[in-house]
Amino acid sequence: MVASGVVDAAAIDSQVLAVELRDRPQLQDQVRIIDTLGPSTIQPVVVAQCLASPLKDALRAAFRTLGDDPTMRATLDAGFIARFIPINDATYDDIRAMVAAAEAAGYLEFA
């Protein structure tokens, strides 16, 4: 919508933008980055809470090995994914700080 002029600006995740620019290089001349927020932690992989713990553990272990699996490398590279790493709640403190800064600046209220 930005490229076609329907909207003047939009927020877009940097990974999504990278994939779009790779797949549609003509967008390079139609959009420009005017500011960035971050870097920040990427979105987590989530599963249903009702899954059995052994299955969750197996999935966690499988994701952690994907980055070292040569048969998966092309697929991960297509999404600009280097690897999956274990996280904890504090991993997302950077995003909490950004939300707090936006709240303090009054950016989370719409007129």
C-alpha atoms as a PDB file:
ATOM      1  CA  MET A   1       0.000   0.000   0.000  1.00  0.00           C
ATOM      2  CA  VAL A   2       2.913   2.343   0.649  1.00  0.00           C
ATOM      3  CA  ALA A   3       4.506   1.449  -2.684  1.00  0.00           C
ATOM      4  CA  SER A   4       1.274   2.124  -4.560  1.00  0.00           C
ATOM      5  CA  GLY A   5       0.597   5.385  -2.698  1.00  0.00           C
ATOM      6  CA  VAL A   6      -2.585   4.221  -0.961  1.00  0.00           C
ATOM      7  CA  VAL A   7      -0.998   5.094   2.390  1.00  0.00           C
ATOM      8  CA  ASP A   8       1.866   7.434   3.179  1.00  0.00           C
ATOM      9  CA  ALA A   9       3.587   5.300   5.798  1.00  0.00           C
ATOM     10  CA  ALA A  10       3.402   1.970   7.593  1.00  0.00           C
ATOM     11  CA  ALA A  11       5.187   0.061  10.301  1.00  0.00           C
ATOM     12  CA  ILE A  12       6.661  -3.206   9.086  1.00  0.00           C
ATOM     13  CA  ASP A  13       8.770  -5.843  10.749  1.00  0.00           C
ATOM     14  CA  SER A  14      12.352  -5.726   9.465  1.00  0.00           C
ATOM     15  CA  GLN A  15      12.370  -9.424   8.628  1.00  0.00           C
ATOM     16  CA  VAL A  16       9.130  -9.116   6.661  1.00  0.00           C
ATOM     17  CA  LEU A  17      10.572  -6.121   4.811  1.00  0.00           C
ATOM     18  CA  ALA A  18      13.791  -7.992   4.031  1.00  0.00           C
ATOM     19  CA  VAL A  19      11.860 -10.899   2.527  1.00  0.00           C
ATOM     20  CA  GLU A  20       9.660  -8.542   0.487  1.00  0.00           C
ATOM     21  CA  LEU A  21      12.651  -6.589  -0.825  1.00  0.00           C
ATOM     22  CA  ARG A  22      14.426  -9.798  -1.735  1.00  0.00           C
ATOM     23  CA  ASP A  23      11.369 -11.215  -3.507  1.00  0.00           C
ATOM     24  CA  ARG A  24      10.262  -7.912  -5.057  1.00  0.00           C
ATOM     25  CA  PRO A  25      13.424  -5.852  -5.652  1.00  0.00           C
ATOM     26  CA  GLN A  26      11.436  -3.173  -7.495  1.00  0.00           C
ATOM     27  CA  LEU A  27      10.125  -2.077  -4.088  1.00  0.00           C
ATOM     28  CA  GLN A  28      13.584  -0.667  -3.303  1.00  0.00           C
ATOM     29  CA  ASP A  29      12.762   2.343  -5.470  1.00  0.00           C
ATOM     30  CA  GLN A  30       9.177   2.678  -4.190  1.00  0.00           C
ATOM     31  CA  VAL A  31       9.650   2.705  -0.410  1.00  0.00           C
ATOM     32  CA  ARG A  32      12.190   4.072   1.999  1.00  0.00           C
ATOM     33  CA  ILE A  33      12.875   3.516   5.665  1.00  0.00           C
ATOM     34  CA  ILE A  34      12.433   6.761   7.571  1.00  0.00           C
ATOM     35  CA  ASP A  35      13.084   5.423  11.073  1.00  0.00           C
ATOM     36  CA  THR A  36      13.671   2.209  12.946  1.00  0.00           C
ATOM     37  CA  LEU A  37      12.742   0.858  16.333  1.00  0.00           C
ATOM     38  CA  GLY A  38      15.034  -1.686  17.808  1.00  0.00           C
ATOM     39  CA  PRO A  39      16.833  -3.915  17.331  1.00  0.00           C
ATOM     40  CA  SER A  40      14.491  -6.115  19.274  1.00  0.00           C
ATOM     41  CA  THR A  41      13.922  -9.734  20.056  1.00  0.00           C
ATOM     42  CA  ILE A  42      12.170 -11.630  17.295  1.00  0.00           C
ATOM     43  CA  GLN A  43       8.820 -13.336  17.760  1.00  0.00           C
ATOM     44  CA  PRO A  44       8.837 -16.626  19.668  1.00  0.00           C
ATOM     45  CA  VAL A  45       7.698 -19.994  18.416  1.00  0.00           C
ATOM     46  CA  VAL A  46       4.601 -20.879  20.429  1.00  0.00           C
ATOM     47  CA  VAL A  47       2.596 -24.055  20.908  1.00  0.00           C
ATOM     48  CA  ALA A  48      -0.699 -24.893  22.566  1.00  0.00           C
ATOM     49  CA  GLN A  49      -0.479 -25.033  26.340  1.00  0.00           C
ATOM     50  CA  CYS A  50      -2.359 -28.353  26.313  1.00  0.00           C
ATOM     51  CA  LEU A  51       0.484 -30.214  24.547  1.00  0.00           C
ATOM     52  CA  ALA A  52       2.129 -32.871  26.669  1.00  0.00           C
ATOM     53  CA  SER A  53       5.462 -31.855  28.188  1.00  0.00           C
ATOM     54  CA  PRO A  54       7.427 -34.595  26.375  1.00  0.00           C
ATOM     55  CA  LEU A  55       6.120 -33.310  23.037  1.00  0.00           C
ATOM     56  CA  LYS A  56       7.001 -29.725  23.948  1.00  0.00           C
ATOM     57  CA  ASP A  57      10.490 -30.850  24.935  1.00  0.00           C
ATOM     58  CA  ALA A  58      10.896 -32.767  21.656  1.00  0.00           C
ATOM     59  CA  LEU A  59       9.763 -29.741  19.633  1.00  0.00           C
ATOM     60  CA  ARG A  60      12.125 -27.461  21.564  1.00  0.00           C
ATOM     61  CA  ALA A  61      15.033 -29.817  20.885  1.00  0.00           C
ATOM     62  CA  ALA A  62      14.122 -30.139  17.199  1.00  0.00           C
ATOM     63  CA  PHE A  63      13.985 -26.371  16.712  1.00  0.00           C
ATOM     64  CA  ARG A  64      17.362 -25.933  18.407  1.00  0.00           C
ATOM     65  CA  THR A  65      19.027 -28.314  15.928  1.00  0.00           C
ATOM     66  CA  LEU A  66      17.489 -26.871  12.748  1.00  0.00           C
ATOM     67  CA  GLY A  67      20.197 -24.247  12.271  1.00  0.00           C
ATOM     68  CA  ASP A  68      22.864 -26.951  12.124  1.00  0.00           C
ATOM     69  CA  ASP A  69      20.917 -29.226   9.763  1.00  0.00           C
ATOM     70  CA  PRO A  70      22.289 -28.833   6.219  1.00  0.00           C
ATOM     71  CA  THR A  71      19.008 -30.096   4.754  1.00  0.00           C
ATOM     72  CA  MET A  72      17.149 -27.223   6.453  1.00  0.00           C
ATOM     73  CA  ARG A  73      19.674 -24.483   5.778  1.00  0.00           C
ATOM     74  CA  ALA A  74      18.123 -23.305   2.481  1.00  0.00           C
ATOM     75  CA  THR A  75      14.668 -23.126   4.031  1.00  0.00           C
ATOM     76  CA  LEU A  76      15.902 -21.165   7.040  1.00  0.00           C
ATOM     77  CA  ASP A  77      17.987 -18.874   4.843  1.00  0.00           C
ATOM     78  CA  ALA A  78      14.896 -18.096   2.743  1.00  0.00           C
ATOM     79  CA  GLY A  79      13.350 -16.575   5.865  1.00  0.00           C
ATOM     80  CA  PHE A  80      16.619 -14.983   7.028  1.00  0.00           C
ATOM     81  CA  ILE A  81      16.625 -17.304  10.055  1.00  0.00           C
ATOM     82  CA  ALA A  82      20.047 -18.190  11.445  1.00  0.00           C
ATOM     83  CA  ARG A  83      18.950 -20.439  14.280  1.00  0.00           C
ATOM     84  CA  PHE A  84      16.499 -20.933  17.129  1.00  0.00           C
ATOM     85  CA  ILE A  85      17.680 -20.387  20.693  1.00  0.00           C
ATOM     86  CA  PRO A  86      16.119 -21.004  24.100  1.00  0.00           C
ATOM     87  CA  ILE A  87      14.569 -17.952  25.719  1.00  0.00           C
ATOM     88  CA  ASN A  88      12.986 -16.917  28.968  1.00  0.00           C
ATOM     89  CA  ASP A  89      10.608 -14.133  29.923  1.00  0.00           C
ATOM     90  CA  ALA A  90      13.446 -11.623  30.378  1.00  0.00           C
ATOM     91  CA  THR A  91      14.401 -12.105  26.733  1.00  0.00           C
ATOM     92  CA  TYR A  92      11.535  -9.749  25.859  1.00  0.00           C
ATOM     93  CA  ASP A  93      12.475  -6.947  28.263  1.00  0.00           C
ATOM     94  CA  ASP A  94      13.681  -4.909  25.271  1.00  0.00           C
ATOM     95  CA  ILE A  95      10.163  -4.876  23.843  1.00  0.00           C
ATOM     96  CA  ARG A  96       8.680  -3.997  27.229  1.00  0.00           C
ATOM     97  CA  ALA A  97      11.064  -1.025  27.392  1.00  0.00           C
ATOM     98  CA  MET A  98       9.962   0.119  23.923  1.00  0.00           C
ATOM     99  CA  VAL A  99       6.289  -0.090  24.940  1.00  0.00           C
ATOM    100  CA  ALA A 100       7.017   1.878  28.116  1.00  0.00           C
ATOM    101  CA  ALA A 101       8.819   4.565  26.096  1.00  0.00           C
ATOM    102  CA  ALA A 102       5.932   4.768  23.627  1.00  0.00           C
ATOM    103  CA  GLU A 103       3.437   5.028  26.498  1.00  0.00           C
ATOM    104  CA  ALA A 104       5.498   7.752  28.190  1.00  0.00           C
ATOM    105  CA  ALA A 105       5.592   9.712  24.929  1.00  0.00           C
ATOM    106  CA  GLY A 106       1.824   9.335  24.493  1.00  0.00           C
ATOM    107  CA  TYR A 107       2.176   7.319  21.289  1.00  0.00           C
ATOM    108  CA  LEU A 108      -0.237   4.597  22.359  1.00  0.00           C
ATOM    109  CA  GLU A 109      -3.213   6.956  22.453  1.00  0.00           C
ATOM    110  CA  PHE A 110      -5.153   7.788  19.338  1.00  0.00           C
ATOM    111  CA  ALA A 111      -6.871  11.141  18.890  1.00  0.00           C
END
